[in-house]
Structure formats: C-alpha cells, structure tokens
Amino acid sequence: MICDYDENTHRCKTILLCIVCSYVTDMSYRCLMLSGYWEVDPKYHWSNTTGGIVNLLTGRKLSLSGCAAVCMYNSDCLMFGYSNVTGTCRGFWYLEHNIVSILEESEVIFKHTQCCHLAGYMWMQDGPLCVKLHHENVTWYNATIQCEQDHGRLAILDDAKKFQAYHNYGVTYTGDAWIGISDQETEGVWVWLNGADLDTSYWSLVELNDYSWQYLPDKHTADCGIVTGHTEIRDDHCLKTLPYLCQRIDLE
C-alpha cells in the first residue's frame, strides 16, 4: 500500500511504501520519497509520444499516491506524469526529449528508481549512465537504428564521469563496440551524436587515423567510433560489423 498525505496532521496516513507530499502556494508540490521507489525527474523538457503511454487516467480526485500505485503494478510503466491541478496520471515506457513542448505546465515526471534495470539496461550511478551492450554484430548505421528503435541512442561517453562509469562497469568485456561518434561530416573532426566535440583527455589511447585494419573492401576509410577495452577509442569503417552499446538517456 502507498500512503496518502494528511494535510491536517502533516503526516502519512499509512506508513507503508509512503510518499509524503507538501503543497506550496503556487500549487506545485515537493515530495519526499520515503518508499525509495520513486524520484522526481530533474529534466523539464520531456515530450511524450503516443507509443510511450502505458495508461491514461484522469480525475480531479486521483491522488499522487494512487497514480504511483497504478504505475508500480504495471510492468510496462517505468515512469509517470502527475498533475495535482488536473488530476492527470499518465504512465510511460519511454519519453522523448523536445526543447519546444512539455507534457503540460503542471505535470511532474516521477521515475522508478530502478527504471534502467527494469528496461533491461545497466545502471551506473556515477555517470550517470544507463547502457546496454548488444553482442550482435552489425554495421554502425544499423547499430544507430537498433538503438533508436529501443527508444535510445548509440552510447555517448562525452565526459570523464561517463567514461569512468562505463570503464568500471565493463571490465569483463574487452572487445570492440560501436559508440555514438563519427567524423562523417568533416574528416578529422570527431563529433558525438549529441553534437559535442570529442575530448581526448580521459582516454588511455586515441587511435583515429582513418584506417581500418580488417575491412578489406576499403581500408583507408574509417569514419565511425569504437570503444575498445573500456579505455581506448579508435575508428573503423562504418560498414564493418561489431557489437554495439546503446544508451537510454530518458532513464538516467
């Protein structure tokens, strides 16, 4: 059971998997998650797609705790949006980032604290980073498509914290894997899929020489990035087939 907040006593009515809420003058709210199951998503520009909605409930009397209970017992619900103004409760399997539109002005997103794991990914809090290594050998282009179809992207390790988190997690796998970086637009200018430039300072070895050792049809074109042994980054031909690393940014 999930408790409801009693505005008269300022306490939870039931002390089991409790969520304590306090309302402030602007009708927004701040919640202290005593259950350990939910946390407020710090991002403010999430826009859902129809396919991402796992349930849709409306009603002015629907409480935050009731919305959390609905989501908790639905295996497809990794996060939910709740509005104490409209009483709207919407559960989501995934969210898409959109800097123009938001869910609705009064809606706040709550994520399950284990949402990354529940989606089949590995959670690295130090990054933070939510990634999954796929051992199927595919081209860089197909890897990009596969990650997007799973509502993610090829992994981006664009800062030292994410790099170190992945290194600490992945010490058992020493092979190569596609990641989300290339110099296809301008030769020699390596850019991550999020538009960030490559910072080489935290990699133990950087081998971006436009040469493929194994792709025999065209050894002198290597425009896509690979992480090797968790500390090295190098390039290879984009049509070479390799395992790949996907990332769910909406679950971080």
C-alpha atoms as a PDB file:
ATOM      1  CA  MET A   1       0.000   0.000   0.000  1.00  0.00           C
ATOM      2  CA  ILE A   2       1.102   3.566  -0.664  1.00  0.00           C
ATOM      3  CA  CYS A   3       0.142   6.206   1.841  1.00  0.00           C
ATOM      4  CA  ASP A   4      -1.763   9.458   1.299  1.00  0.00           C
ATOM      5  CA  TYR A   5      -0.677  12.740   2.798  1.00  0.00           C
ATOM      6  CA  ASP A   6      -2.873  14.163   5.562  1.00  0.00           C
ATOM      7  CA  GLU A   7      -2.860  17.970   5.286  1.00  0.00           C
ATOM      8  CA  ASN A   8      -4.225  18.368   8.827  1.00  0.00           C
ATOM      9  CA  THR A   9      -1.577  16.307  10.640  1.00  0.00           C
ATOM     10  CA  HIS A  10       1.164  16.756   8.001  1.00  0.00           C
ATOM     11  CA  ARG A  11       1.860  13.047   8.190  1.00  0.00           C
ATOM     12  CA  CYS A  12       1.300   9.943   6.133  1.00  0.00           C
ATOM     13  CA  LYS A  13      -1.948   8.138   6.801  1.00  0.00           C
ATOM     14  CA  THR A  14      -0.272   4.780   6.240  1.00  0.00           C
ATOM     15  CA  ILE A  15       3.428   4.078   6.820  1.00  0.00           C
ATOM     16  CA  LEU A  16       3.957   1.501   4.101  1.00  0.00           C
ATOM     17  CA  LEU A  17       5.780   2.485   0.900  1.00  0.00           C
ATOM     18  CA  CYS A  18       4.969   6.068   1.810  1.00  0.00           C
ATOM     19  CA  ILE A  19       5.089   9.177  -0.301  1.00  0.00           C
ATOM     20  CA  VAL A  20       4.878  12.376   1.720  1.00  0.00           C
ATOM     21  CA  CYS A  21       3.786  15.477  -0.165  1.00  0.00           C
ATOM     22  CA  SER A  22       3.575  19.107   0.876  1.00  0.00           C
ATOM     23  CA  TYR A  23       1.750  21.656  -1.229  1.00  0.00           C
ATOM     24  CA  VAL A  24       3.047  25.187  -1.680  1.00  0.00           C
ATOM     25  CA  THR A  25       1.274  28.389  -2.632  1.00  0.00           C
ATOM     26  CA  ASP A  26       1.805  28.130  -6.386  1.00  0.00           C
ATOM     27  CA  MET A  27       0.020  24.739  -6.439  1.00  0.00           C
ATOM     28  CA  SER A  28       3.195  22.879  -7.280  1.00  0.00           C
ATOM     29  CA  TYR A  29       4.500  20.369  -4.771  1.00  0.00           C
ATOM     30  CA  ARG A  30       7.628  18.936  -3.309  1.00  0.00           C
ATOM     31  CA  CYS A  31       7.702  15.285  -2.427  1.00  0.00           C
ATOM     32  CA  LEU A  32       9.948  13.365  -0.127  1.00  0.00           C
ATOM     33  CA  MET A  33      10.079   9.747  -1.324  1.00  0.00           C
ATOM     34  CA  LEU A  34      10.175   7.587   1.776  1.00  0.00           C
ATOM     35  CA  SER A  35       9.471   4.378  -0.124  1.00  0.00           C
ATOM     36  CA  GLY A  36      12.662   4.509  -2.184  1.00  0.00           C
ATOM     37  CA  TYR A  37      10.714   3.569  -5.314  1.00  0.00           C
ATOM     38  CA  TRP A  38      10.240   6.973  -6.956  1.00  0.00           C
ATOM     39  CA  GLU A  39      12.218  10.123  -7.647  1.00  0.00           C
ATOM     40  CA  VAL A  40      11.374  13.371  -9.395  1.00  0.00           C
ATOM     41  CA  ASP A  41      12.934  13.641 -12.850  1.00  0.00           C
ATOM     42  CA  PRO A  42      15.169  16.748 -12.903  1.00  0.00           C
ATOM     43  CA  LYS A  43      14.628  17.336 -16.638  1.00  0.00           C
ATOM     44  CA  TYR A  44      11.975  19.845 -17.607  1.00  0.00           C
ATOM     45  CA  HIS A  45      11.523  19.484 -21.372  1.00  0.00           C
ATOM     46  CA  TRP A  46      10.143  15.992 -21.852  1.00  0.00           C
ATOM     47  CA  SER A  47       7.560  15.368 -24.563  1.00  0.00           C
ATOM     48  CA  ASN A  48       5.799  12.010 -24.726  1.00  0.00           C
ATOM     49  CA  THR A  49       4.793  10.057 -27.802  1.00  0.00           C
ATOM     50  CA  THR A  50       1.596   8.017 -28.113  1.00  0.00           C
ATOM     51  CA  GLY A  51       3.540   4.771 -28.131  1.00  0.00           C
ATOM     52  CA  GLY A  52       5.180   5.656 -24.855  1.00  0.00           C
ATOM     53  CA  ILE A  53       1.944   5.910 -22.872  1.00  0.00           C
ATOM     54  CA  VAL A  54       1.067   2.719 -20.998  1.00  0.00           C
ATOM     55  CA  ASN A  55      -2.039   4.068 -19.260  1.00  0.00           C
ATOM     56  CA  LEU A  56      -4.136   7.222 -19.196  1.00  0.00           C
ATOM     57  CA  LEU A  57      -6.221   8.102 -16.162  1.00  0.00           C
ATOM     58  CA  THR A  58      -7.965  11.380 -15.447  1.00  0.00           C
ATOM     59  CA  GLY A  59      -9.975  12.640 -12.499  1.00  0.00           C
ATOM     60  CA  ARG A  60      -9.705  15.536 -10.108  1.00  0.00           C
ATOM     61  CA  LYS A  61      -9.800  13.174  -7.092  1.00  0.00           C
ATOM     62  CA  LEU A  62      -6.903  10.999  -8.213  1.00  0.00           C
ATOM     63  CA  SER A  63      -4.048  11.351  -5.723  1.00  0.00           C
ATOM     64  CA  LEU A  64      -0.316  11.246  -6.325  1.00  0.00           C
ATOM     65  CA  SER A  65      -0.070   8.057  -4.287  1.00  0.00           C
ATOM     66  CA  GLY A  66      -2.862   6.483  -6.333  1.00  0.00           C
ATOM     67  CA  CYS A  67      -1.054   7.332  -9.546  1.00  0.00           C
ATOM     68  CA  ALA A  68       2.178   5.830  -8.176  1.00  0.00           C
ATOM     69  CA  ALA A  69       0.309   2.655  -7.199  1.00  0.00           C
ATOM     70  CA  VAL A  70      -1.103   2.241 -10.725  1.00  0.00           C
ATOM     71  CA  CYS A  71       2.365   2.605 -12.231  1.00  0.00           C
ATOM     72  CA  MET A  72       4.077   0.373  -9.675  1.00  0.00           C
ATOM     73  CA  TYR A  73       1.917  -2.615 -10.559  1.00  0.00           C
ATOM     74  CA  ASN A  74       2.253  -2.193 -14.321  1.00  0.00           C
ATOM     75  CA  SER A  75       5.456  -3.811 -15.603  1.00  0.00           C
ATOM     76  CA  ASP A  76       5.489  -1.506 -18.651  1.00  0.00           C
ATOM     77  CA  CYS A  77       5.394   1.644 -16.519  1.00  0.00           C
ATOM     78  CA  LEU A  78       8.911   2.934 -15.843  1.00  0.00           C
ATOM     79  CA  MET A  79       7.816   6.487 -15.023  1.00  0.00           C
ATOM     80  CA  PHE A  80       4.635   8.503 -14.702  1.00  0.00           C
ATOM     81  CA  GLY A  81       3.447  12.055 -15.094  1.00  0.00           C
ATOM     82  CA  TYR A  82       1.138  13.509 -12.468  1.00  0.00           C
ATOM     83  CA  SER A  83      -0.626  16.865 -12.198  1.00  0.00           C
ATOM     84  CA  ASN A  84      -2.205  17.933  -8.916  1.00  0.00           C
ATOM     85  CA  VAL A  85      -4.034  20.654 -10.876  1.00  0.00           C
ATOM     86  CA  THR A  86      -5.810  18.492 -13.454  1.00  0.00           C
ATOM     87  CA  GLY A  87      -5.595  15.151 -11.622  1.00  0.00           C
ATOM     88  CA  THR A  88      -3.983  13.601 -14.706  1.00  0.00           C
ATOM     89  CA  CYS A  89      -1.952  10.413 -14.265  1.00  0.00           C
ATOM     90  CA  ARG A  90      -0.035   9.019 -17.238  1.00  0.00           C
ATOM     91  CA  GLY A  91       2.398   6.133 -17.151  1.00  0.00           C
ATOM     92  CA  PHE A  92       5.265   5.895 -19.645  1.00  0.00           C
ATOM     93  CA  TRP A  93       7.571   3.241 -21.062  1.00  0.00           C
ATOM     94  CA  TYR A  94       9.796   5.905 -22.596  1.00  0.00           C
ATOM     95  CA  LEU A  95       9.979   9.663 -23.083  1.00  0.00           C
ATOM     96  CA  GLU A  96      11.387  11.731 -25.900  1.00  0.00           C
ATOM     97  CA  HIS A  97      13.289  14.955 -25.399  1.00  0.00           C
ATOM     98  CA  ASN A  98      11.826  18.020 -27.045  1.00  0.00           C
ATOM     99  CA  ILE A  99      13.065  21.508 -26.217  1.00  0.00           C
ATOM    100  CA  VAL A 100       9.888  23.136 -27.559  1.00  0.00           C
ATOM    101  CA  SER A 101       6.958  21.337 -25.937  1.00  0.00           C
ATOM    102  CA  ILE A 102       6.478  19.862 -22.476  1.00  0.00           C
ATOM    103  CA  LEU A 103       3.943  17.383 -21.137  1.00  0.00           C
ATOM    104  CA  GLU A 104       1.811  20.092 -19.569  1.00  0.00           C
ATOM    105  CA  GLU A 105       2.655  23.024 -17.375  1.00  0.00           C
ATOM    106  CA  SER A 106       1.523  21.433 -14.121  1.00  0.00           C
ATOM    107  CA  GLU A 107       2.689  17.869 -14.818  1.00  0.00           C
ATOM    108  CA  VAL A 108       5.692  16.466 -12.970  1.00  0.00           C
ATOM    109  CA  ILE A 109       7.532  13.319 -14.039  1.00  0.00           C
ATOM    110  CA  PHE A 110       8.347  10.672 -11.434  1.00  0.00           C
ATOM    111  CA  LYS A 111      10.759   7.895 -12.384  1.00  0.00           C
ATOM    112  CA  HIS A 112      11.054   4.480 -10.792  1.00  0.00           C
ATOM    113  CA  THR A 113      14.438   4.376  -9.072  1.00  0.00           C
ATOM    114  CA  GLN A 114      15.146   1.046 -10.827  1.00  0.00           C
ATOM    115  CA  CYS A 115      13.758   2.085 -14.239  1.00  0.00           C
ATOM    116  CA  CYS A 116      17.062   1.499 -16.067  1.00  0.00           C
ATOM    117  CA  HIS A 117      17.353  -2.036 -14.712  1.00  0.00           C
ATOM    118  CA  LEU A 118      13.669  -2.778 -15.339  1.00  0.00           C
ATOM    119  CA  ALA A 119      14.175  -1.832 -19.006  1.00  0.00           C
ATOM    120  CA  GLY A 120      16.970  -4.418 -19.307  1.00  0.00           C
ATOM    121  CA  TYR A 121      19.850  -1.936 -19.149  1.00  0.00           C
ATOM    122  CA  MET A 122      22.757  -1.494 -16.750  1.00  0.00           C
ATOM    123  CA  TRP A 123      22.624   1.483 -14.382  1.00  0.00           C
ATOM    124  CA  MET A 124      25.862   3.279 -13.495  1.00  0.00           C
ATOM    125  CA  GLN A 125      25.028   5.970 -10.989  1.00  0.00           C
ATOM    126  CA  ASP A 126      28.489   7.552 -11.081  1.00  0.00           C
ATOM    127  CA  GLY A 127      27.920   8.661 -14.704  1.00  0.00           C
ATOM    128  CA  PRO A 128      25.037   8.744 -14.553  1.00  0.00           C
ATOM    129  CA  LEU A 129      24.790   6.264 -17.400  1.00  0.00           C
ATOM    130  CA  CYS A 130      22.141   3.740 -18.494  1.00  0.00           C
ATOM    131  CA  VAL A 131      23.557   1.436 -21.185  1.00  0.00           C
ATOM    132  CA  LYS A 132      23.168  -1.998 -22.713  1.00  0.00           C
ATOM    133  CA  LEU A 133      25.798  -3.931 -24.650  1.00  0.00           C
ATOM    134  CA  HIS A 134      24.410  -5.824 -27.654  1.00  0.00           C
ATOM    135  CA  HIS A 135      26.639  -8.685 -28.779  1.00  0.00           C
ATOM    136  CA  GLU A 136      25.059  -8.970 -32.230  1.00  0.00           C
ATOM    137  CA  ASN A 137      27.492  -7.858 -34.963  1.00  0.00           C
ATOM    138  CA  VAL A 138      26.007  -5.055 -37.075  1.00  0.00           C
ATOM    139  CA  THR A 139      27.233  -2.019 -39.013  1.00  0.00           C
ATOM    140  CA  TRP A 140      27.473   1.383 -37.295  1.00  0.00           C
ATOM    141  CA  TYR A 141      24.410   2.545 -39.239  1.00  0.00           C
ATOM    142  CA  ASN A 142      22.319  -0.463 -38.200  1.00  0.00           C
ATOM    143  CA  ALA A 143      23.503  -0.073 -34.613  1.00  0.00           C
ATOM    144  CA  THR A 144      22.230   3.504 -34.661  1.00  0.00           C
ATOM    145  CA  ILE A 145      18.838   2.334 -35.945  1.00  0.00           C
ATOM    146  CA  GLN A 146      18.586  -0.519 -33.435  1.00  0.00           C
ATOM    147  CA  CYS A 147      19.276   1.795 -30.501  1.00  0.00           C
ATOM    148  CA  GLU A 148      16.705   4.317 -31.730  1.00  0.00           C
ATOM    149  CA  GLN A 149      14.096   1.579 -32.125  1.00  0.00           C
ATOM    150  CA  ASP A 150      14.663   0.760 -28.459  1.00  0.00           C
ATOM    151  CA  HIS A 151      13.998   4.446 -27.651  1.00  0.00           C
ATOM    152  CA  GLY A 152      17.674   5.171 -27.070  1.00  0.00           C
ATOM    153  CA  ARG A 153      20.813   6.066 -28.991  1.00  0.00           C
ATOM    154  CA  LEU A 154      24.313   4.771 -29.543  1.00  0.00           C
ATOM    155  CA  ALA A 155      26.146   5.460 -26.289  1.00  0.00           C
ATOM    156  CA  ILE A 156      27.775   8.840 -25.787  1.00  0.00           C
ATOM    157  CA  LEU A 157      30.765   8.971 -23.434  1.00  0.00           C
ATOM    158  CA  ASP A 158      31.374  12.685 -23.811  1.00  0.00           C
ATOM    159  CA  ASP A 159      32.779  13.421 -20.364  1.00  0.00           C
ATOM    160  CA  ALA A 160      35.201  11.842 -17.904  1.00  0.00           C
ATOM    161  CA  LYS A 161      32.491  10.771 -15.433  1.00  0.00           C
ATOM    162  CA  LYS A 162      30.524   8.776 -18.010  1.00  0.00           C
ATOM    163  CA  PHE A 163      33.737   7.301 -19.369  1.00  0.00           C
ATOM    164  CA  GLN A 164      34.906   6.200 -15.929  1.00  0.00           C
ATOM    165  CA  ALA A 165      31.490   4.787 -15.035  1.00  0.00           C
ATOM    166  CA  TYR A 166      31.486   2.666 -18.188  1.00  0.00           C
ATOM    167  CA  HIS A 167      35.076   1.582 -17.594  1.00  0.00           C
ATOM    168  CA  ASN A 168      34.261   0.463 -14.050  1.00  0.00           C
ATOM    169  CA  TYR A 169      31.166  -1.428 -15.209  1.00  0.00           C
ATOM    170  CA  GLY A 170      32.586  -3.078 -18.318  1.00  0.00           C
ATOM    171  CA  VAL A 171      35.842  -4.595 -17.173  1.00  0.00           C
ATOM    172  CA  THR A 172      34.584  -8.097 -18.031  1.00  0.00           C
ATOM    173  CA  TYR A 173      34.188  -7.258 -21.742  1.00  0.00           C
ATOM    174  CA  THR A 174      37.409  -6.362 -23.533  1.00  0.00           C
ATOM    175  CA  GLY A 175      36.193  -6.409 -27.128  1.00  0.00           C
ATOM    176  CA  ASP A 176      35.183  -3.629 -29.514  1.00  0.00           C
ATOM    177  CA  ALA A 177      31.774  -1.954 -29.609  1.00  0.00           C
ATOM    178  CA  TRP A 178      30.269   0.818 -31.715  1.00  0.00           C
ATOM    179  CA  ILE A 179      29.554   4.077 -29.880  1.00  0.00           C
ATOM    180  CA  GLY A 180      27.811   7.268 -30.957  1.00  0.00           C
ATOM    181  CA  ILE A 181      30.628   9.276 -32.521  1.00  0.00           C
ATOM    182  CA  SER A 182      31.899   9.826 -36.068  1.00  0.00           C
ATOM    183  CA  ASP A 183      33.726  12.240 -38.368  1.00  0.00           C
ATOM    184  CA  GLN A 184      31.498  11.593 -41.373  1.00  0.00           C
ATOM    185  CA  GLU A 185      30.509  15.235 -41.743  1.00  0.00           C
ATOM    186  CA  THR A 186      34.054  16.652 -41.675  1.00  0.00           C
ATOM    187  CA  GLU A 187      37.079  14.400 -41.934  1.00  0.00           C
ATOM    188  CA  GLY A 188      39.158  14.559 -38.767  1.00  0.00           C
ATOM    189  CA  VAL A 189      36.520  16.419 -36.736  1.00  0.00           C
ATOM    190  CA  TRP A 190      35.024  13.866 -34.350  1.00  0.00           C
ATOM    191  CA  VAL A 191      31.572  14.743 -33.035  1.00  0.00           C
ATOM    192  CA  TRP A 192      29.241  12.817 -30.738  1.00  0.00           C
ATOM    193  CA  LEU A 193      25.642  12.248 -31.810  1.00  0.00           C
ATOM    194  CA  ASN A 194      24.525  14.937 -29.363  1.00  0.00           C
ATOM    195  CA  GLY A 195      26.738  17.498 -31.122  1.00  0.00           C
ATOM    196  CA  ALA A 196      29.521  17.579 -28.514  1.00  0.00           C
ATOM    197  CA  ASP A 197      33.126  17.595 -29.680  1.00  0.00           C
ATOM    198  CA  LEU A 198      35.435  14.754 -28.690  1.00  0.00           C
ATOM    199  CA  ASP A 199      37.562  15.397 -25.598  1.00  0.00           C
ATOM    200  CA  THR A 200      40.545  13.041 -25.793  1.00  0.00           C
ATOM    201  CA  SER A 201      41.995  13.877 -22.362  1.00  0.00           C
ATOM    202  CA  TYR A 202      40.456  10.960 -20.436  1.00  0.00           C
ATOM    203  CA  TRP A 203      41.028   8.152 -22.967  1.00  0.00           C
ATOM    204  CA  SER A 204      44.103   5.981 -22.407  1.00  0.00           C
ATOM    205  CA  LEU A 205      44.622   5.609 -26.159  1.00  0.00           C
ATOM    206  CA  VAL A 206      43.181   7.586 -29.065  1.00  0.00           C
ATOM    207  CA  GLU A 207      43.679   5.983 -32.474  1.00  0.00           C
ATOM    208  CA  LEU A 208      41.692   7.965 -35.043  1.00  0.00           C
ATOM    209  CA  ASN A 209      43.814   7.538 -38.162  1.00  0.00           C
ATOM    210  CA  ASP A 210      41.163   6.896 -40.852  1.00  0.00           C
ATOM    211  CA  TYR A 211      42.452   3.366 -41.329  1.00  0.00           C
ATOM    212  CA  SER A 212      40.615   0.039 -40.991  1.00  0.00           C
ATOM    213  CA  TRP A 213      42.758  -2.993 -40.249  1.00  0.00           C
ATOM    214  CA  GLN A 214      40.044  -5.543 -41.045  1.00  0.00           C
ATOM    215  CA  TYR A 215      37.551  -4.064 -43.513  1.00  0.00           C
ATOM    216  CA  LEU A 216      39.214  -5.299 -46.697  1.00  0.00           C
ATOM    217  CA  PRO A 217      36.954  -3.566 -49.286  1.00  0.00           C
ATOM    218  CA  ASP A 218      38.090  -0.125 -48.121  1.00  0.00           C
ATOM    219  CA  LYS A 219      40.883   0.050 -45.546  1.00  0.00           C
ATOM    220  CA  HIS A 220      41.504   3.748 -45.969  1.00  0.00           C
ATOM    221  CA  THR A 221      38.110   4.981 -44.808  1.00  0.00           C
ATOM    222  CA  ALA A 222      37.314   4.775 -41.108  1.00  0.00           C
ATOM    223  CA  ASP A 223      34.729   7.329 -40.028  1.00  0.00           C
ATOM    224  CA  CYS A 224      32.893   5.682 -37.106  1.00  0.00           C
ATOM    225  CA  GLY A 225      33.937   5.361 -33.490  1.00  0.00           C
ATOM    226  CA  ILE A 226      34.646   2.278 -31.394  1.00  0.00           C
ATOM    227  CA  VAL A 227      35.317   1.844 -27.702  1.00  0.00           C
ATOM    228  CA  THR A 228      37.968  -0.818 -27.092  1.00  0.00           C
ATOM    229  CA  GLY A 229      38.828  -2.392 -23.778  1.00  0.00           C
ATOM    230  CA  HIS A 230      36.870   0.359 -21.970  1.00  0.00           C
ATOM    231  CA  THR A 231      39.740   2.831 -22.054  1.00  0.00           C
ATOM    232  CA  GLU A 232      40.542   3.236 -25.753  1.00  0.00           C
ATOM    233  CA  ILE A 233      38.752   4.949 -28.617  1.00  0.00           C
ATOM    234  CA  ARG A 234      39.542   4.291 -32.248  1.00  0.00           C
ATOM    235  CA  ASP A 235      37.954   4.455 -35.661  1.00  0.00           C
ATOM    236  CA  ASP A 236      36.917   1.839 -38.191  1.00  0.00           C
ATOM    237  CA  HIS A 237      34.906   1.545 -41.371  1.00  0.00           C
ATOM    238  CA  CYS A 238      31.222   2.195 -40.698  1.00  0.00           C
ATOM    239  CA  LEU A 239      30.216  -0.919 -42.681  1.00  0.00           C
ATOM    240  CA  LYS A 240      32.269  -3.241 -40.527  1.00  0.00           C
ATOM    241  CA  THR A 241      30.062  -5.373 -38.258  1.00  0.00           C
ATOM    242  CA  LEU A 242      30.603  -5.191 -34.495  1.00  0.00           C
ATOM    243  CA  PRO A 243      28.713  -5.360 -31.196  1.00  0.00           C
ATOM    244  CA  TYR A 244      27.269  -2.023 -30.103  1.00  0.00           C
ATOM    245  CA  LEU A 245      26.489  -0.053 -26.976  1.00  0.00           C
ATOM    246  CA  CYS A 246      23.049   1.573 -26.580  1.00  0.00           C
ATOM    247  CA  GLN A 247      22.098   4.264 -24.088  1.00  0.00           C
ATOM    248  CA  ARG A 248      18.697   5.251 -22.632  1.00  0.00           C
ATOM    249  CA  ILE A 249      19.080   8.919 -21.734  1.00  0.00           C
ATOM    250  CA  ASP A 250      15.459   9.166 -20.579  1.00  0.00           C
ATOM    251  CA  LEU A 251      16.184   6.644 -17.805  1.00  0.00           C
ATOM    252  CA  GLU A 252      19.254   8.439 -16.456  1.00  0.00           C
END
